[in-house]
Amino acid sequence: MKVRVVNLVESKVKSALCDKLRRFLTSQLDRELCRYQHNTSFSLAVECLQPSKAQGSMLNCKDLLKNEKLPCCAHDQPHTVQANIILNSWYPDYIDLPEGQVSHDSWLDFLPSVIRKREVSHRDLSKVAQSLGFNWEFVILELGLAQADVDQCKMENRDQVAMQIYHCLARWKTCHGYQANIETLVKAIQANRSVEADWEAIKNVVDRI
C-alpha cells in the first residue's frame, strides 16, 4: 500500500505533523493487520522523489535509520540519498541535531497546554507501563514516590514488570489527582537518560493514537 502526502499550502509542513501522521498510519496498519491477518508483519518505506519517468525506488525506513546514505538505482543516473533529508521530516527524534539547536526533548513544549496539562487516565498509564524498561524505577522516584512504594509494588506483582510499573504509576495518580498530567509524566521519563523507553509508543499515548 502506498500513501502519498501532498502539501497544498506554500509554507513548509512541520516535521511534528509528519511524525504524527507516520505514527498514526503505522498504528492503524498494525491494528488492522493484527485483527484480520493474524499478526502479519509489515515494513515502512519512503519513495525517492528524484525527478524521473521511471518508478521511484522504495527506501526501507529501517535502513535509513541505520545508514547516513543509501544508494538509489531506480533512475537513469544512480545516485545517493541522504538519510537525514528524509528523517528530518518523518523521524525527527532520530536525527543528530547540530550543536546549539533545540534538543529532541522539546517536542513536548510545543504541544498545546490542553494536551500537556491533561490528566493521565488509567489507560494511559497502562500503555506507558508497557513502554518502559530497564531502570524504570528512576521514573517513579522522579515522580515523587518513595522507594518503599516501588518495593511494595514489586512484591505484590512478582515476575510481571509491566504490572509493577503500572501500579506504581497508579499510586502516583491517586496521590496527585489532576496534577498527575501528561507533561509531568513525560518530563519524569526524559529526566533519566538511563531509562529504557519506547518513545514512539509514549508519543502515541500523548497524541491518543
N, C-alpha and C. Protein backbone atom coordinates (compact mmCIF):
# COMPACT_ATOMS: atom_id res chain seq x y z
N MET A 1 0.84 -1.18 0.00
CA MET A 1 0.00 0.00 0.00
C MET A 1 0.88 1.24 0.00
N LYS A 2 0.56 2.18 -0.86
CA LYS A 2 1.33 3.42 -0.93
C LYS A 2 0.45 4.60 -0.53
N VAL A 3 0.99 5.46 0.33
CA VAL A 3 0.28 6.67 0.75
C VAL A 3 1.10 7.86 0.30
N ARG A 4 0.49 8.76 -0.43
CA ARG A 4 1.19 9.96 -0.89
C ARG A 4 0.62 11.18 -0.17
N VAL A 5 1.50 11.95 0.46
CA VAL A 5 1.10 13.15 1.18
C VAL A 5 1.40 14.36 0.31
N VAL A 6 0.38 15.19 0.09
CA VAL A 6 0.52 16.37 -0.78
C VAL A 6 0.33 17.63 0.05
N ASN A 7 1.28 18.53 -0.03
CA ASN A 7 1.19 19.80 0.67
C ASN A 7 0.54 20.83 -0.26
N LEU A 8 -0.61 21.36 0.13
CA LEU A 8 -1.36 22.30 -0.70
C LEU A 8 -1.16 23.76 -0.27
N VAL A 9 -0.28 24.00 0.66
CA VAL A 9 0.00 25.36 1.10
C VAL A 9 1.45 25.70 0.79
N GLU A 10 1.75 27.00 0.77
CA GLU A 10 3.09 27.44 0.42
C GLU A 10 4.11 27.18 1.52
N SER A 11 3.68 27.26 2.77
CA SER A 11 4.62 27.08 3.88
C SER A 11 5.01 25.62 4.04
N LYS A 12 6.19 25.41 4.61
CA LYS A 12 6.70 24.06 4.83
C LYS A 12 5.92 23.37 5.94
N VAL A 13 5.60 22.11 5.73
CA VAL A 13 4.88 21.35 6.74
C VAL A 13 5.82 21.02 7.90
N LYS A 14 5.35 21.22 9.13
CA LYS A 14 6.18 20.96 10.30
C LYS A 14 6.46 19.47 10.44
N SER A 15 7.70 19.16 10.84
CA SER A 15 8.09 17.76 10.97
C SER A 15 7.26 17.04 12.03
N ALA A 16 6.80 17.78 13.05
CA ALA A 16 5.99 17.16 14.10
C ALA A 16 4.69 16.60 13.52
N LEU A 17 4.13 17.28 12.52
CA LEU A 17 2.90 16.81 11.89
C LEU A 17 3.16 15.56 11.05
N CYS A 18 4.29 15.55 10.33
CA CYS A 18 4.65 14.36 9.54
C CYS A 18 4.91 13.17 10.45
N ASP A 19 5.59 13.43 11.55
CA ASP A 19 5.89 12.37 12.51
C ASP A 19 4.60 11.79 13.07
N LYS A 20 3.65 12.66 13.41
CA LYS A 20 2.37 12.20 13.96
C LYS A 20 1.58 11.40 12.92
N LEU A 21 1.60 11.84 11.67
CA LEU A 21 0.91 11.11 10.60
C LEU A 21 1.52 9.73 10.41
N ARG A 22 2.85 9.64 10.41
CA ARG A 22 3.53 8.36 10.26
C ARG A 22 3.15 7.41 11.38
N ARG A 23 3.17 7.92 12.61
CA ARG A 23 2.83 7.07 13.75
C ARG A 23 1.36 6.63 13.72
N PHE A 24 0.49 7.53 13.25
CA PHE A 24 -0.94 7.18 13.14
C PHE A 24 -1.14 6.07 12.11
N LEU A 25 -0.53 6.22 10.94
CA LEU A 25 -0.67 5.20 9.88
C LEU A 25 -0.09 3.86 10.32
N THR A 26 1.08 3.92 10.98
CA THR A 26 1.71 2.69 11.46
C THR A 26 0.82 1.99 12.48
N SER A 27 0.26 2.78 13.38
CA SER A 27 -0.61 2.21 14.42
C SER A 27 -1.86 1.57 13.82
N GLN A 28 -2.46 2.24 12.82
CA GLN A 28 -3.67 1.70 12.19
C GLN A 28 -3.37 0.43 11.41
N LEU A 29 -2.26 0.44 10.68
CA LEU A 29 -1.87 -0.76 9.93
C LEU A 29 -1.61 -1.93 10.87
N ASP A 30 -0.92 -1.64 11.94
CA ASP A 30 -0.60 -2.68 12.91
C ASP A 30 -1.88 -3.28 13.49
N ARG A 31 -2.84 -2.41 13.81
CA ARG A 31 -4.11 -2.85 14.38
C ARG A 31 -4.90 -3.71 13.41
N GLU A 32 -5.02 -3.22 12.18
CA GLU A 32 -5.84 -3.91 11.19
C GLU A 32 -5.22 -5.23 10.76
N LEU A 33 -3.90 -5.25 10.57
CA LEU A 33 -3.25 -6.49 10.17
C LEU A 33 -3.30 -7.53 11.29
N CYS A 34 -3.21 -7.05 12.52
CA CYS A 34 -3.32 -7.95 13.66
C CYS A 34 -4.73 -8.52 13.76
N ARG A 35 -5.71 -7.68 13.40
CA ARG A 35 -7.11 -8.09 13.52
C ARG A 35 -7.53 -9.08 12.44
N TYR A 36 -7.09 -8.83 11.21
CA TYR A 36 -7.57 -9.64 10.09
C TYR A 36 -6.56 -10.65 9.54
N GLN A 37 -5.27 -10.37 9.76
CA GLN A 37 -4.25 -11.21 9.12
C GLN A 37 -3.36 -11.94 10.12
N HIS A 38 -3.82 -12.09 11.33
CA HIS A 38 -3.09 -12.87 12.32
C HIS A 38 -1.65 -12.40 12.49
N ASN A 39 -1.50 -11.14 12.88
CA ASN A 39 -0.19 -10.57 13.20
C ASN A 39 0.78 -10.55 12.01
N THR A 40 0.27 -10.30 10.83
CA THR A 40 1.13 -10.18 9.65
C THR A 40 2.08 -8.99 9.82
N SER A 41 3.35 -9.21 9.59
CA SER A 41 4.33 -8.14 9.74
C SER A 41 4.36 -7.26 8.49
N PHE A 42 4.83 -6.04 8.64
CA PHE A 42 4.98 -5.13 7.51
C PHE A 42 6.14 -4.20 7.78
N SER A 43 6.64 -3.57 6.74
CA SER A 43 7.74 -2.63 6.90
C SER A 43 7.36 -1.31 6.24
N LEU A 44 7.94 -0.23 6.76
CA LEU A 44 7.69 1.10 6.20
C LEU A 44 8.81 1.47 5.24
N ALA A 45 8.43 2.13 4.15
CA ALA A 45 9.42 2.58 3.17
C ALA A 45 8.99 3.94 2.64
N VAL A 46 9.95 4.72 2.20
CA VAL A 46 9.66 6.01 1.57
C VAL A 46 10.18 5.98 0.14
N GLU A 47 9.55 6.75 -0.71
CA GLU A 47 9.92 6.74 -2.12
C GLU A 47 10.92 7.84 -2.42
N CYS A 48 11.95 7.50 -3.17
CA CYS A 48 12.90 8.51 -3.62
C CYS A 48 12.18 9.39 -4.65
N LEU A 49 12.20 10.69 -4.40
CA LEU A 49 11.45 11.60 -5.27
C LEU A 49 12.33 12.31 -6.29
N GLN A 50 13.47 11.73 -6.59
CA GLN A 50 14.32 12.27 -7.65
C GLN A 50 13.52 12.31 -8.96
N PRO A 51 13.44 13.45 -9.63
CA PRO A 51 12.66 13.53 -10.87
C PRO A 51 13.08 12.46 -11.88
N SER A 52 12.11 11.70 -12.35
CA SER A 52 12.40 10.65 -13.31
C SER A 52 11.10 10.11 -13.88
N LYS A 53 11.16 9.58 -15.10
CA LYS A 53 10.00 8.94 -15.70
C LYS A 53 9.80 7.53 -15.16
N ALA A 54 10.87 6.99 -14.59
CA ALA A 54 10.79 5.63 -14.06
C ALA A 54 10.11 5.62 -12.70
N GLN A 55 9.68 4.43 -12.30
CA GLN A 55 9.07 4.27 -10.98
C GLN A 55 10.11 4.55 -9.91
N GLY A 56 9.72 5.33 -8.90
CA GLY A 56 10.66 5.68 -7.85
C GLY A 56 11.09 4.48 -7.03
N SER A 57 12.28 4.57 -6.47
CA SER A 57 12.81 3.50 -5.63
C SER A 57 12.23 3.62 -4.23
N MET A 58 11.86 2.49 -3.64
CA MET A 58 11.36 2.47 -2.27
C MET A 58 12.53 2.22 -1.33
N LEU A 59 12.72 3.10 -0.37
CA LEU A 59 13.83 3.01 0.58
C LEU A 59 13.30 2.58 1.94
N ASN A 60 13.78 1.45 2.43
CA ASN A 60 13.31 0.93 3.70
C ASN A 60 13.68 1.87 4.84
N CYS A 61 12.70 2.21 5.68
CA CYS A 61 12.94 3.17 6.75
C CYS A 61 13.94 2.66 7.78
N LYS A 62 13.95 1.36 8.03
CA LYS A 62 14.93 0.80 8.98
C LYS A 62 16.35 1.00 8.47
N ASP A 63 16.52 0.88 7.13
CA ASP A 63 17.84 1.11 6.56
C ASP A 63 18.24 2.57 6.67
N LEU A 64 17.27 3.46 6.53
CA LEU A 64 17.55 4.89 6.65
C LEU A 64 17.99 5.25 8.06
N LEU A 65 17.41 4.57 9.05
CA LEU A 65 17.76 4.85 10.43
C LEU A 65 19.15 4.34 10.79
N LYS A 66 19.66 3.37 10.01
CA LYS A 66 20.96 2.78 10.30
C LYS A 66 22.09 3.40 9.49
N ASN A 67 21.77 3.99 8.32
CA ASN A 67 22.82 4.48 7.42
C ASN A 67 22.62 5.96 7.10
N GLU A 68 23.75 6.68 6.99
CA GLU A 68 23.68 8.10 6.65
C GLU A 68 23.31 8.29 5.19
N LYS A 69 23.74 7.33 4.33
CA LYS A 69 23.47 7.43 2.90
C LYS A 69 23.01 6.07 2.38
N LEU A 70 22.13 6.11 1.37
CA LEU A 70 21.66 4.88 0.74
C LEU A 70 21.71 5.05 -0.78
N PRO A 71 22.14 4.02 -1.50
CA PRO A 71 22.17 4.11 -2.96
C PRO A 71 20.76 3.94 -3.54
N CYS A 72 20.47 4.66 -4.60
CA CYS A 72 19.20 4.53 -5.32
C CYS A 72 19.54 4.29 -6.79
N CYS A 73 19.03 3.19 -7.35
CA CYS A 73 19.34 2.81 -8.73
C CYS A 73 18.08 2.77 -9.60
N ALA A 74 17.05 3.49 -9.19
CA ALA A 74 15.78 3.44 -9.92
C ALA A 74 15.71 4.46 -11.04
N HIS A 75 16.75 5.28 -11.19
CA HIS A 75 16.73 6.34 -12.19
C HIS A 75 17.82 6.13 -13.24
N ASP A 76 17.78 6.97 -14.26
CA ASP A 76 18.78 6.86 -15.33
C ASP A 76 20.19 7.01 -14.77
N GLN A 77 20.32 7.93 -13.82
CA GLN A 77 21.61 8.17 -13.19
C GLN A 77 21.56 7.70 -11.73
N PRO A 78 22.24 6.58 -11.40
CA PRO A 78 22.28 6.15 -10.00
C PRO A 78 22.81 7.27 -9.11
N HIS A 79 22.25 7.39 -7.94
CA HIS A 79 22.68 8.46 -7.04
C HIS A 79 22.56 7.99 -5.60
N THR A 80 22.96 8.87 -4.69
CA THR A 80 22.92 8.55 -3.26
C THR A 80 21.88 9.42 -2.57
N VAL A 81 21.09 8.79 -1.73
CA VAL A 81 20.06 9.50 -0.97
C VAL A 81 20.61 9.82 0.42
N GLN A 82 20.51 11.09 0.81
CA GLN A 82 20.94 11.50 2.15
C GLN A 82 19.82 11.18 3.14
N ALA A 83 20.11 10.29 4.08
CA ALA A 83 19.07 9.83 5.02
C ALA A 83 18.49 10.97 5.85
N ASN A 84 19.34 11.92 6.27
CA ASN A 84 18.86 12.99 7.15
C ASN A 84 17.78 13.85 6.52
N ILE A 85 17.81 13.99 5.19
CA ILE A 85 16.80 14.80 4.50
C ILE A 85 15.42 14.20 4.71
N ILE A 86 15.32 12.89 4.67
CA ILE A 86 14.05 12.20 4.86
C ILE A 86 13.70 12.08 6.34
N LEU A 87 14.69 11.74 7.14
CA LEU A 87 14.45 11.56 8.57
C LEU A 87 14.03 12.86 9.24
N ASN A 88 14.51 13.98 8.75
CA ASN A 88 14.17 15.27 9.33
C ASN A 88 12.66 15.51 9.31
N SER A 89 11.98 14.97 8.31
CA SER A 89 10.53 15.15 8.21
C SER A 89 9.75 14.05 8.92
N TRP A 90 10.16 12.79 8.69
CA TRP A 90 9.34 11.67 9.15
C TRP A 90 9.81 11.06 10.46
N TYR A 91 11.09 11.24 10.82
CA TYR A 91 11.63 10.69 12.06
C TYR A 91 12.46 11.76 12.77
N PRO A 92 11.88 12.89 13.15
CA PRO A 92 12.67 14.00 13.71
C PRO A 92 13.41 13.66 14.99
N ASP A 93 12.93 12.68 15.75
CA ASP A 93 13.58 12.32 17.01
C ASP A 93 14.82 11.45 16.82
N TYR A 94 15.06 11.01 15.59
CA TYR A 94 16.14 10.06 15.35
C TYR A 94 17.37 10.68 14.70
N ILE A 95 17.31 11.97 14.40
CA ILE A 95 18.46 12.60 13.75
C ILE A 95 19.32 13.33 14.77
N ASP A 96 20.60 13.46 14.46
CA ASP A 96 21.52 14.19 15.32
C ASP A 96 21.44 15.67 14.99
N LEU A 97 21.10 16.48 15.99
CA LEU A 97 20.97 17.91 15.76
C LEU A 97 22.33 18.61 15.92
N PRO A 98 22.60 19.61 15.07
CA PRO A 98 23.83 20.37 15.23
C PRO A 98 23.87 21.05 16.59
N GLU A 99 25.07 21.28 17.08
CA GLU A 99 25.23 21.91 18.40
C GLU A 99 24.55 23.28 18.41
N GLY A 100 23.79 23.55 19.47
CA GLY A 100 23.11 24.84 19.59
C GLY A 100 21.65 24.79 19.21
N GLN A 101 21.22 23.75 18.50
CA GLN A 101 19.81 23.65 18.14
C GLN A 101 19.01 23.05 19.29
N VAL A 102 17.68 23.21 19.20
CA VAL A 102 16.79 22.71 20.24
C VAL A 102 16.90 21.19 20.34
N SER A 103 16.89 20.67 21.55
CA SER A 103 17.04 19.23 21.76
C SER A 103 15.77 18.48 21.37
N HIS A 104 15.90 17.17 21.24
CA HIS A 104 14.77 16.34 20.86
C HIS A 104 13.67 16.37 21.91
N ASP A 105 14.06 16.59 23.18
CA ASP A 105 13.09 16.56 24.25
C ASP A 105 12.05 17.68 24.14
N SER A 106 12.33 18.69 23.35
CA SER A 106 11.49 19.88 23.31
C SER A 106 10.14 19.67 22.61
N TRP A 107 9.92 18.51 21.97
CA TRP A 107 8.65 18.29 21.29
C TRP A 107 7.47 18.49 22.23
N LEU A 108 7.65 18.15 23.50
CA LEU A 108 6.56 18.29 24.46
C LEU A 108 6.20 19.76 24.68
N ASP A 109 7.21 20.62 24.70
CA ASP A 109 6.97 22.04 24.96
C ASP A 109 6.18 22.72 23.85
N PHE A 110 6.18 22.14 22.65
CA PHE A 110 5.46 22.74 21.53
C PHE A 110 4.01 22.28 21.46
N LEU A 111 3.62 21.36 22.33
CA LEU A 111 2.24 20.90 22.33
C LEU A 111 1.34 21.93 23.02
N PRO A 112 0.08 22.02 22.62
CA PRO A 112 -0.87 22.93 23.29
C PRO A 112 -0.99 22.61 24.77
N SER A 113 -1.25 23.61 25.57
CA SER A 113 -1.35 23.43 27.02
C SER A 113 -2.44 22.43 27.39
N VAL A 114 -3.51 22.40 26.63
CA VAL A 114 -4.62 21.49 26.94
C VAL A 114 -4.18 20.03 26.86
N ILE A 115 -3.18 19.74 26.01
CA ILE A 115 -2.66 18.38 25.92
C ILE A 115 -1.65 18.13 27.02
N ARG A 116 -0.75 19.08 27.23
CA ARG A 116 0.31 18.90 28.24
C ARG A 116 -0.27 18.77 29.65
N LYS A 117 -1.34 19.50 29.93
CA LYS A 117 -1.92 19.51 31.27
C LYS A 117 -3.06 18.50 31.43
N ARG A 118 -3.29 17.68 30.41
CA ARG A 118 -4.36 16.68 30.51
C ARG A 118 -4.02 15.65 31.57
N GLU A 119 -4.97 15.39 32.46
CA GLU A 119 -4.77 14.39 33.50
C GLU A 119 -4.67 13.00 32.86
N VAL A 120 -3.69 12.24 33.27
CA VAL A 120 -3.50 10.91 32.69
C VAL A 120 -4.61 9.98 33.14
N SER A 121 -5.02 9.11 32.26
CA SER A 121 -6.04 8.10 32.59
C SER A 121 -5.34 6.79 32.95
N HIS A 122 -6.10 5.86 33.50
CA HIS A 122 -5.51 4.56 33.81
C HIS A 122 -5.11 3.84 32.53
N ARG A 123 -5.84 4.11 31.45
CA ARG A 123 -5.47 3.52 30.17
C ARG A 123 -4.14 4.08 29.68
N ASP A 124 -3.93 5.38 29.85
CA ASP A 124 -2.64 5.99 29.51
C ASP A 124 -1.52 5.32 30.29
N LEU A 125 -1.74 5.15 31.59
CA LEU A 125 -0.71 4.57 32.45
C LEU A 125 -0.40 3.13 32.07
N SER A 126 -1.44 2.40 31.66
CA SER A 126 -1.24 1.02 31.23
C SER A 126 -0.32 0.96 30.01
N LYS A 127 -0.54 1.86 29.05
CA LYS A 127 0.28 1.88 27.84
C LYS A 127 1.70 2.35 28.13
N VAL A 128 1.83 3.35 28.99
CA VAL A 128 3.16 3.84 29.35
C VAL A 128 3.93 2.76 30.10
N ALA A 129 3.25 2.04 30.97
CA ALA A 129 3.90 0.96 31.73
C ALA A 129 4.51 -0.08 30.81
N GLN A 130 3.83 -0.35 29.70
CA GLN A 130 4.33 -1.33 28.73
C GLN A 130 5.43 -0.75 27.85
N SER A 131 5.64 0.57 27.94
CA SER A 131 6.63 1.25 27.11
C SER A 131 7.95 1.50 27.84
N LEU A 132 7.98 1.22 29.13
CA LEU A 132 9.19 1.44 29.92
C LEU A 132 9.91 0.13 30.17
N GLY A 133 11.22 0.22 30.27
CA GLY A 133 12.01 -0.99 30.50
C GLY A 133 13.06 -0.78 31.56
N PHE A 134 14.30 -1.10 31.23
CA PHE A 134 15.42 -1.05 32.17
C PHE A 134 15.49 0.28 32.91
N ASN A 135 15.68 0.22 34.24
CA ASN A 135 15.81 1.39 35.12
C ASN A 135 14.52 2.20 35.24
N TRP A 136 13.37 1.57 35.01
CA TRP A 136 12.10 2.29 35.12
C TRP A 136 11.85 2.87 36.51
N GLU A 137 12.50 2.29 37.52
CA GLU A 137 12.30 2.76 38.90
C GLU A 137 12.66 4.23 39.07
N PHE A 138 13.64 4.71 38.29
CA PHE A 138 14.05 6.10 38.39
C PHE A 138 12.91 7.05 38.04
N VAL A 139 12.06 6.63 37.10
CA VAL A 139 10.91 7.46 36.71
C VAL A 139 9.96 7.61 37.89
N ILE A 140 9.70 6.52 38.58
CA ILE A 140 8.77 6.54 39.71
C ILE A 140 9.30 7.44 40.83
N LEU A 141 10.59 7.33 41.10
CA LEU A 141 11.19 8.18 42.13
C LEU A 141 11.17 9.65 41.72
N GLU A 142 11.36 9.90 40.42
CA GLU A 142 11.31 11.27 39.91
C GLU A 142 9.92 11.87 40.09
N LEU A 143 8.91 11.02 40.02
CA LEU A 143 7.52 11.48 40.19
C LEU A 143 7.17 11.74 41.66
N GLY A 144 8.05 11.37 42.57
CA GLY A 144 7.83 11.69 43.97
C GLY A 144 7.45 10.55 44.88
N LEU A 145 7.31 9.35 44.34
CA LEU A 145 7.00 8.21 45.20
C LEU A 145 8.27 7.75 45.92
N ALA A 146 8.08 7.11 47.04
CA ALA A 146 9.20 6.64 47.85
C ALA A 146 9.67 5.27 47.37
N GLN A 147 10.91 4.93 47.72
CA GLN A 147 11.44 3.62 47.36
C GLN A 147 10.58 2.51 47.97
N ALA A 148 10.00 2.77 49.14
CA ALA A 148 9.14 1.77 49.78
C ALA A 148 7.92 1.46 48.91
N ASP A 149 7.38 2.48 48.22
CA ASP A 149 6.25 2.25 47.33
C ASP A 149 6.65 1.35 46.17
N VAL A 150 7.83 1.61 45.61
CA VAL A 150 8.33 0.80 44.50
C VAL A 150 8.52 -0.64 44.94
N ASP A 151 9.13 -0.81 46.10
CA ASP A 151 9.39 -2.16 46.61
C ASP A 151 8.10 -2.92 46.86
N GLN A 152 7.09 -2.25 47.37
CA GLN A 152 5.82 -2.91 47.65
C GLN A 152 5.12 -3.34 46.36
N CYS A 153 5.14 -2.47 45.35
CA CYS A 153 4.52 -2.81 44.05
C CYS A 153 5.26 -3.98 43.40
N LYS A 154 6.57 -4.03 43.57
CA LYS A 154 7.33 -5.16 43.04
C LYS A 154 6.96 -6.46 43.74
N MET A 155 6.80 -6.38 45.05
CA MET A 155 6.49 -7.57 45.83
C MET A 155 5.09 -8.09 45.51
N GLU A 156 4.15 -7.18 45.28
CA GLU A 156 2.76 -7.58 45.01
C GLU A 156 2.56 -8.07 43.59
N ASN A 157 3.51 -7.79 42.70
CA ASN A 157 3.38 -8.20 41.30
C ASN A 157 4.67 -8.85 40.81
N ARG A 158 5.04 -9.92 41.48
CA ARG A 158 6.28 -10.61 41.15
C ARG A 158 6.23 -11.15 39.71
N ASP A 159 7.35 -11.03 39.02
CA ASP A 159 7.52 -11.58 37.67
C ASP A 159 6.63 -10.91 36.62
N GLN A 160 6.03 -9.78 36.94
CA GLN A 160 5.20 -9.03 35.98
C GLN A 160 5.64 -7.57 36.00
N VAL A 161 6.71 -7.27 35.29
CA VAL A 161 7.32 -5.94 35.36
C VAL A 161 6.35 -4.85 34.93
N ALA A 162 5.61 -5.08 33.85
CA ALA A 162 4.66 -4.07 33.38
C ALA A 162 3.61 -3.74 34.44
N MET A 163 3.17 -4.77 35.18
CA MET A 163 2.19 -4.55 36.25
C MET A 163 2.83 -3.82 37.43
N GLN A 164 4.09 -4.09 37.69
CA GLN A 164 4.80 -3.36 38.75
C GLN A 164 4.83 -1.87 38.43
N ILE A 165 5.18 -1.56 37.18
CA ILE A 165 5.25 -0.16 36.75
C ILE A 165 3.87 0.47 36.79
N TYR A 166 2.88 -0.25 36.28
CA TYR A 166 1.51 0.29 36.25
C TYR A 166 1.01 0.65 37.65
N HIS A 167 1.20 -0.25 38.61
CA HIS A 167 0.70 0.01 39.97
C HIS A 167 1.44 1.16 40.63
N CYS A 168 2.72 1.32 40.31
CA CYS A 168 3.46 2.48 40.81
C CYS A 168 2.89 3.77 40.23
N LEU A 169 2.63 3.77 38.93
CA LEU A 169 2.07 4.95 38.27
C LEU A 169 0.66 5.23 38.78
N ALA A 170 -0.11 4.17 39.04
CA ALA A 170 -1.47 4.35 39.56
C ALA A 170 -1.43 4.99 40.95
N ARG A 171 -0.45 4.62 41.74
CA ARG A 171 -0.29 5.24 43.07
C ARG A 171 0.01 6.73 42.93
N TRP A 172 0.88 7.04 41.98
CA TRP A 172 1.20 8.45 41.72
C TRP A 172 -0.06 9.21 41.32
N LYS A 173 -0.87 8.65 40.46
CA LYS A 173 -2.11 9.29 40.03
C LYS A 173 -3.06 9.49 41.20
N THR A 174 -3.17 8.49 42.06
CA THR A 174 -4.06 8.59 43.22
C THR A 174 -3.60 9.68 44.18
N CYS A 175 -2.29 9.80 44.36
CA CYS A 175 -1.74 10.79 45.29
C CYS A 175 -1.86 12.22 44.78
N HIS A 176 -1.76 12.40 43.44
CA HIS A 176 -1.67 13.76 42.90
C HIS A 176 -2.91 14.22 42.13
N GLY A 177 -3.85 13.32 41.89
CA GLY A 177 -5.10 13.72 41.24
C GLY A 177 -4.89 14.38 39.90
N TYR A 178 -5.50 15.57 39.70
CA TYR A 178 -5.43 16.25 38.40
C TYR A 178 -4.03 16.74 38.07
N GLN A 179 -3.16 16.81 39.10
CA GLN A 179 -1.78 17.24 38.84
C GLN A 179 -0.94 16.11 38.22
N ALA A 180 -1.50 14.92 38.20
CA ALA A 180 -0.83 13.80 37.53
C ALA A 180 -1.14 13.91 36.05
N ASN A 181 -0.39 14.77 35.37
CA ASN A 181 -0.71 15.08 33.97
C ASN A 181 0.37 14.56 33.01
N ILE A 182 0.06 14.70 31.74
CA ILE A 182 0.95 14.23 30.68
C ILE A 182 2.34 14.86 30.78
N GLU A 183 2.38 16.17 30.96
CA GLU A 183 3.67 16.88 30.99
C GLU A 183 4.56 16.37 32.12
N THR A 184 4.01 16.23 33.31
CA THR A 184 4.80 15.77 34.46
C THR A 184 5.34 14.37 34.23
N LEU A 185 4.51 13.49 33.67
CA LEU A 185 4.93 12.11 33.43
C LEU A 185 6.04 12.04 32.38
N VAL A 186 5.85 12.72 31.26
CA VAL A 186 6.84 12.67 30.18
C VAL A 186 8.16 13.28 30.63
N LYS A 187 8.12 14.39 31.36
CA LYS A 187 9.36 15.02 31.81
C LYS A 187 10.10 14.16 32.83
N ALA A 188 9.35 13.37 33.59
CA ALA A 188 9.99 12.45 34.54
C ALA A 188 10.76 11.37 33.78
N ILE A 189 10.21 10.94 32.65
CA ILE A 189 10.90 9.93 31.83
C ILE A 189 12.11 10.55 31.15
N GLN A 190 11.94 11.77 30.63
CA GLN A 190 13.04 12.45 29.96
C GLN A 190 14.19 12.78 30.90
N ALA A 191 13.89 12.95 32.18
CA ALA A 191 14.90 13.38 33.15
C ALA A 191 15.92 12.30 33.44
N ASN A 192 15.62 11.07 33.05
CA ASN A 192 16.51 9.95 33.37
C ASN A 192 16.95 9.27 32.08
N ARG A 193 18.13 9.64 31.60
CA ARG A 193 18.63 9.14 30.32
C ARG A 193 18.91 7.65 30.33
N SER A 194 19.11 7.09 31.51
CA SER A 194 19.43 5.66 31.58
C SER A 194 18.19 4.78 31.49
N VAL A 195 17.01 5.39 31.52
CA VAL A 195 15.76 4.62 31.46
C VAL A 195 15.48 4.18 30.03
N GLU A 196 15.21 2.91 29.84
CA GLU A 196 14.84 2.39 28.52
C GLU A 196 13.37 2.74 28.27
N ALA A 197 13.11 3.46 27.18
CA ALA A 197 11.73 3.89 26.90
C ALA A 197 11.44 3.82 25.40
N ASP A 198 10.26 3.36 25.07
CA ASP A 198 9.79 3.31 23.69
C ASP A 198 9.07 4.62 23.41
N TRP A 199 9.82 5.60 22.86
CA TRP A 199 9.25 6.93 22.68
C TRP A 199 8.17 6.98 21.61
N GLU A 200 8.22 6.08 20.66
CA GLU A 200 7.15 6.01 19.66
C GLU A 200 5.82 5.73 20.37
N ALA A 201 5.83 4.74 21.26
CA ALA A 201 4.61 4.36 21.98
C ALA A 201 4.17 5.45 22.94
N ILE A 202 5.13 6.10 23.60
CA ILE A 202 4.78 7.14 24.56
C ILE A 202 4.17 8.35 23.86
N LYS A 203 4.72 8.73 22.71
CA LYS A 203 4.16 9.84 21.96
C LYS A 203 2.76 9.50 21.44
N ASN A 204 2.53 8.23 21.13
CA ASN A 204 1.18 7.82 20.73
C ASN A 204 0.19 7.96 21.87
N VAL A 205 0.64 7.73 23.10
CA VAL A 205 -0.22 7.95 24.26
C VAL A 205 -0.55 9.42 24.39
N VAL A 206 0.45 10.27 24.24
CA VAL A 206 0.25 11.72 24.33
C VAL A 206 -0.74 12.20 23.28
N ASP A 207 -0.60 11.69 22.06
CA ASP A 207 -1.47 12.11 20.95
C ASP A 207 -2.77 11.31 20.87
N ARG A 208 -2.92 10.36 21.77
CA ARG A 208 -4.11 9.49 21.80
C ARG A 208 -4.31 8.76 20.47
N ILE A 209 -3.24 8.24 19.94
CA ILE A 209 -3.30 7.47 18.70
C ILE A 209 -3.58 6.01 19.04
